[in-house]
Amino acid sequence: MKRFIILNLINAVINLSKAQLAYLEILDFIWVIIAIISITAMYIFLFKRSYTSEILKSEVDSVKLKKSFGTERILIKLKSGKIRPLYLKKTTNELEFLNEALGINNL
């Protein structure tokens, strides 16, 4: 996903470098929008989300259950301010393991 975003950003910069600022066309505005979306997505991936495979219990600040588009996911907020999403099937075994591992009783 990061590679795709970087590729979009590079492509937008190359296309916008050819454009003249005085005569921007519709396609140039589309590339500006793609560049802004790519920069925003890179910021989220680099600074707001955590994708580490192992999280220490001491790093966990809070846990939330969020439902969006019919899919429930567990969001673990770390003390560093980053969020680690967990996509679970919500079987009883997975929930019991999370309750024991994190010491939470409200999931």
C-alpha atoms as a PDB file:
ATOM      1  CA  MET A   1       0.000   0.000   0.000  1.00  0.00           C
ATOM      2  CA  LYS A   2       2.833   2.401   0.829  1.00  0.00           C
ATOM      3  CA  ARG A   3       4.458   1.685  -2.527  1.00  0.00           C
ATOM      4  CA  PHE A   4       1.228   2.513  -4.330  1.00  0.00           C
ATOM      5  CA  ILE A   5       0.907   5.811  -2.472  1.00  0.00           C
ATOM      6  CA  ILE A   6       4.536   6.722  -3.174  1.00  0.00           C
ATOM      7  CA  LEU A   7       4.051   5.842  -6.842  1.00  0.00           C
ATOM      8  CA  ASN A   8       0.954   8.071  -7.000  1.00  0.00           C
ATOM      9  CA  LEU A   9       2.850  10.920  -5.390  1.00  0.00           C
ATOM     10  CA  ILE A  10       5.816  10.590  -7.774  1.00  0.00           C
ATOM     11  CA  ASN A  11       3.487  10.404 -10.755  1.00  0.00           C
ATOM     12  CA  ALA A  12       1.621  13.521  -9.592  1.00  0.00           C
ATOM     13  CA  VAL A  13       4.862  15.455  -9.103  1.00  0.00           C
ATOM     14  CA  ILE A  14       6.131  14.464 -12.563  1.00  0.00           C
ATOM     15  CA  ASN A  15       2.868  15.457 -14.238  1.00  0.00           C
ATOM     16  CA  LEU A  16       2.637  18.738 -12.328  1.00  0.00           C
ATOM     17  CA  SER A  17       6.252  19.631 -13.083  1.00  0.00           C
ATOM     18  CA  LYS A  18       5.389  19.668 -16.801  1.00  0.00           C
ATOM     19  CA  ALA A  19       2.397  21.993 -16.277  1.00  0.00           C
ATOM     20  CA  GLN A  20       2.623  25.742 -16.468  1.00  0.00           C
ATOM     21  CA  LEU A  21       1.215  27.451 -13.388  1.00  0.00           C
ATOM     22  CA  ALA A  22      -0.522  30.151 -15.419  1.00  0.00           C
ATOM     23  CA  TYR A  23      -2.384  27.646 -17.609  1.00  0.00           C
ATOM     24  CA  LEU A  24      -3.533  24.798 -15.386  1.00  0.00           C
ATOM     25  CA  GLU A  25      -6.038  22.468 -16.991  1.00  0.00           C
ATOM     26  CA  ILE A  26      -8.614  20.104 -15.474  1.00  0.00           C
ATOM     27  CA  LEU A  27      -6.189  17.175 -15.600  1.00  0.00           C
ATOM     28  CA  ASP A  28      -3.604  19.216 -13.691  1.00  0.00           C
ATOM     29  CA  PHE A  29      -6.152  19.905 -10.947  1.00  0.00           C
ATOM     30  CA  ILE A  30      -6.860  16.174 -10.759  1.00  0.00           C
ATOM     31  CA  TRP A  31      -3.132  15.537 -10.249  1.00  0.00           C
ATOM     32  CA  VAL A  32      -3.075  18.152  -7.475  1.00  0.00           C
ATOM     33  CA  ILE A  33      -5.941  16.337  -5.746  1.00  0.00           C
ATOM     34  CA  ILE A  34      -4.162  12.973  -6.143  1.00  0.00           C
ATOM     35  CA  ALA A  35      -0.989  14.483  -4.668  1.00  0.00           C
ATOM     36  CA  ILE A  36      -2.877  15.890  -1.669  1.00  0.00           C
ATOM     37  CA  ILE A  37      -4.612  12.552  -1.030  1.00  0.00           C
ATOM     38  CA  SER A  38      -1.290  10.695  -1.319  1.00  0.00           C
ATOM     39  CA  ILE A  39       0.455  13.034   1.114  1.00  0.00           C
ATOM     40  CA  THR A  40      -2.411  12.666   3.601  1.00  0.00           C
ATOM     41  CA  ALA A  41      -2.345   8.872   3.302  1.00  0.00           C
ATOM     42  CA  MET A  42       1.443   8.785   3.798  1.00  0.00           C
ATOM     43  CA  TYR A  43       1.062  10.920   6.936  1.00  0.00           C
ATOM     44  CA  ILE A  44      -1.518   8.519   8.330  1.00  0.00           C
ATOM     45  CA  PHE A  45       0.571   5.442   7.514  1.00  0.00           C
ATOM     46  CA  LEU A  46       3.798   6.881   8.920  1.00  0.00           C
ATOM     47  CA  PHE A  47       2.650   8.829  11.963  1.00  0.00           C
ATOM     48  CA  LYS A  48      -0.847   7.725  13.032  1.00  0.00           C
ATOM     49  CA  ARG A  49      -0.943   3.960  12.499  1.00  0.00           C
ATOM     50  CA  SER A  50       1.209   1.201  13.900  1.00  0.00           C
ATOM     51  CA  TYR A  51       1.656  -2.076  12.073  1.00  0.00           C
ATOM     52  CA  THR A  52       4.031  -3.847  14.419  1.00  0.00           C
ATOM     53  CA  SER A  53       3.403  -7.547  14.860  1.00  0.00           C
ATOM     54  CA  GLU A  54       4.104  -7.553  18.592  1.00  0.00           C
ATOM     55  CA  ILE A  55       2.827  -5.003  21.084  1.00  0.00           C
ATOM     56  CA  LEU A  56       3.926  -4.976  24.694  1.00  0.00           C
ATOM     57  CA  LYS A  57       1.197  -4.711  27.307  1.00  0.00           C
ATOM     58  CA  SER A  58       2.963  -1.701  28.816  1.00  0.00           C
ATOM     59  CA  GLU A  59       2.619   0.175  25.488  1.00  0.00           C
ATOM     60  CA  VAL A  60      -1.199  -0.119  25.395  1.00  0.00           C
ATOM     61  CA  ASP A  61      -3.086   3.008  26.430  1.00  0.00           C
ATOM     62  CA  SER A  62      -6.682   2.030  25.616  1.00  0.00           C
ATOM     63  CA  VAL A  63      -8.771  -0.356  23.526  1.00  0.00           C
ATOM     64  CA  LYS A  64     -11.917   0.496  21.553  1.00  0.00           C
ATOM     65  CA  LEU A  65     -14.347  -1.545  19.512  1.00  0.00           C
ATOM     66  CA  LYS A  66     -15.283   0.316  16.310  1.00  0.00           C
ATOM     67  CA  LYS A  67     -17.883  -0.637  13.731  1.00  0.00           C
ATOM     68  CA  SER A  68     -17.736   0.761  10.217  1.00  0.00           C
ATOM     69  CA  PHE A  69     -19.419  -0.488   7.051  1.00  0.00           C
ATOM     70  CA  GLY A  70     -20.684  -3.563   8.889  1.00  0.00           C
ATOM     71  CA  THR A  71     -17.204  -4.673   9.962  1.00  0.00           C
ATOM     72  CA  GLU A  72     -16.230  -4.591  13.599  1.00  0.00           C
ATOM     73  CA  ARG A  73     -12.612  -4.041  14.459  1.00  0.00           C
ATOM     74  CA  ILE A  74     -10.646  -3.504  17.594  1.00  0.00           C
ATOM     75  CA  LEU A  75      -8.484  -0.388  17.810  1.00  0.00           C
ATOM     76  CA  ILE A  76      -5.586  -0.469  20.238  1.00  0.00           C
ATOM     77  CA  LYS A  77      -4.334   3.014  21.092  1.00  0.00           C
ATOM     78  CA  LEU A  78      -0.679   3.006  22.066  1.00  0.00           C
ATOM     79  CA  LYS A  79       1.017   5.395  24.460  1.00  0.00           C
ATOM     80  CA  SER A  80       3.006   6.809  21.530  1.00  0.00           C
ATOM     81  CA  GLY A  81      -0.273   8.141  20.093  1.00  0.00           C
ATOM     82  CA  LYS A  82      -0.429   5.616  17.260  1.00  0.00           C
ATOM     83  CA  ILE A  83      -3.378   3.304  16.645  1.00  0.00           C
ATOM     84  CA  ARG A  84      -3.078  -0.403  15.843  1.00  0.00           C
ATOM     85  CA  PRO A  85      -6.173  -1.852  14.144  1.00  0.00           C
ATOM     86  CA  LEU A  86      -7.020  -5.522  14.714  1.00  0.00           C
ATOM     87  CA  TYR A  87      -9.404  -7.228  12.342  1.00  0.00           C
ATOM     88  CA  LEU A  88     -10.830 -10.229  14.153  1.00  0.00           C
ATOM     89  CA  LYS A  89     -13.650 -12.608  13.460  1.00  0.00           C
ATOM     90  CA  LYS A  90     -14.760 -12.045  17.059  1.00  0.00           C
ATOM     91  CA  THR A  91     -14.936 -15.664  18.031  1.00  0.00           C
ATOM     92  CA  THR A  92     -15.158 -16.347  21.722  1.00  0.00           C
ATOM     93  CA  ASN A  93     -11.619 -17.742  21.777  1.00  0.00           C
ATOM     94  CA  GLU A  94     -10.152 -14.572  20.267  1.00  0.00           C
ATOM     95  CA  LEU A  95     -12.083 -12.319  22.639  1.00  0.00           C
ATOM     96  CA  GLU A  96     -11.137 -14.386  25.683  1.00  0.00           C
ATOM     97  CA  PHE A  97      -7.484 -14.249  24.629  1.00  0.00           C
ATOM     98  CA  LEU A  98      -7.647 -10.464  24.227  1.00  0.00           C
ATOM     99  CA  ASN A  99      -9.395 -10.034  27.562  1.00  0.00           C
ATOM    100  CA  GLU A 100      -6.718 -12.084  29.317  1.00  0.00           C
ATOM    101  CA  ALA A 101      -3.778 -10.597  27.407  1.00  0.00           C
ATOM    102  CA  LEU A 102      -4.755  -6.969  27.816  1.00  0.00           C
ATOM    103  CA  GLY A 103      -6.677  -7.222  31.066  1.00  0.00           C
ATOM    104  CA  ILE A 104      -9.914  -5.806  29.676  1.00  0.00           C
ATOM    105  CA  ASN A 105     -13.401  -7.026  30.426  1.00  0.00           C
ATOM    106  CA  ASN A 106     -15.547  -4.831  28.205  1.00  0.00           C
ATOM    107  CA  LEU A 107     -14.995  -6.379  24.746  1.00  0.00           C
END
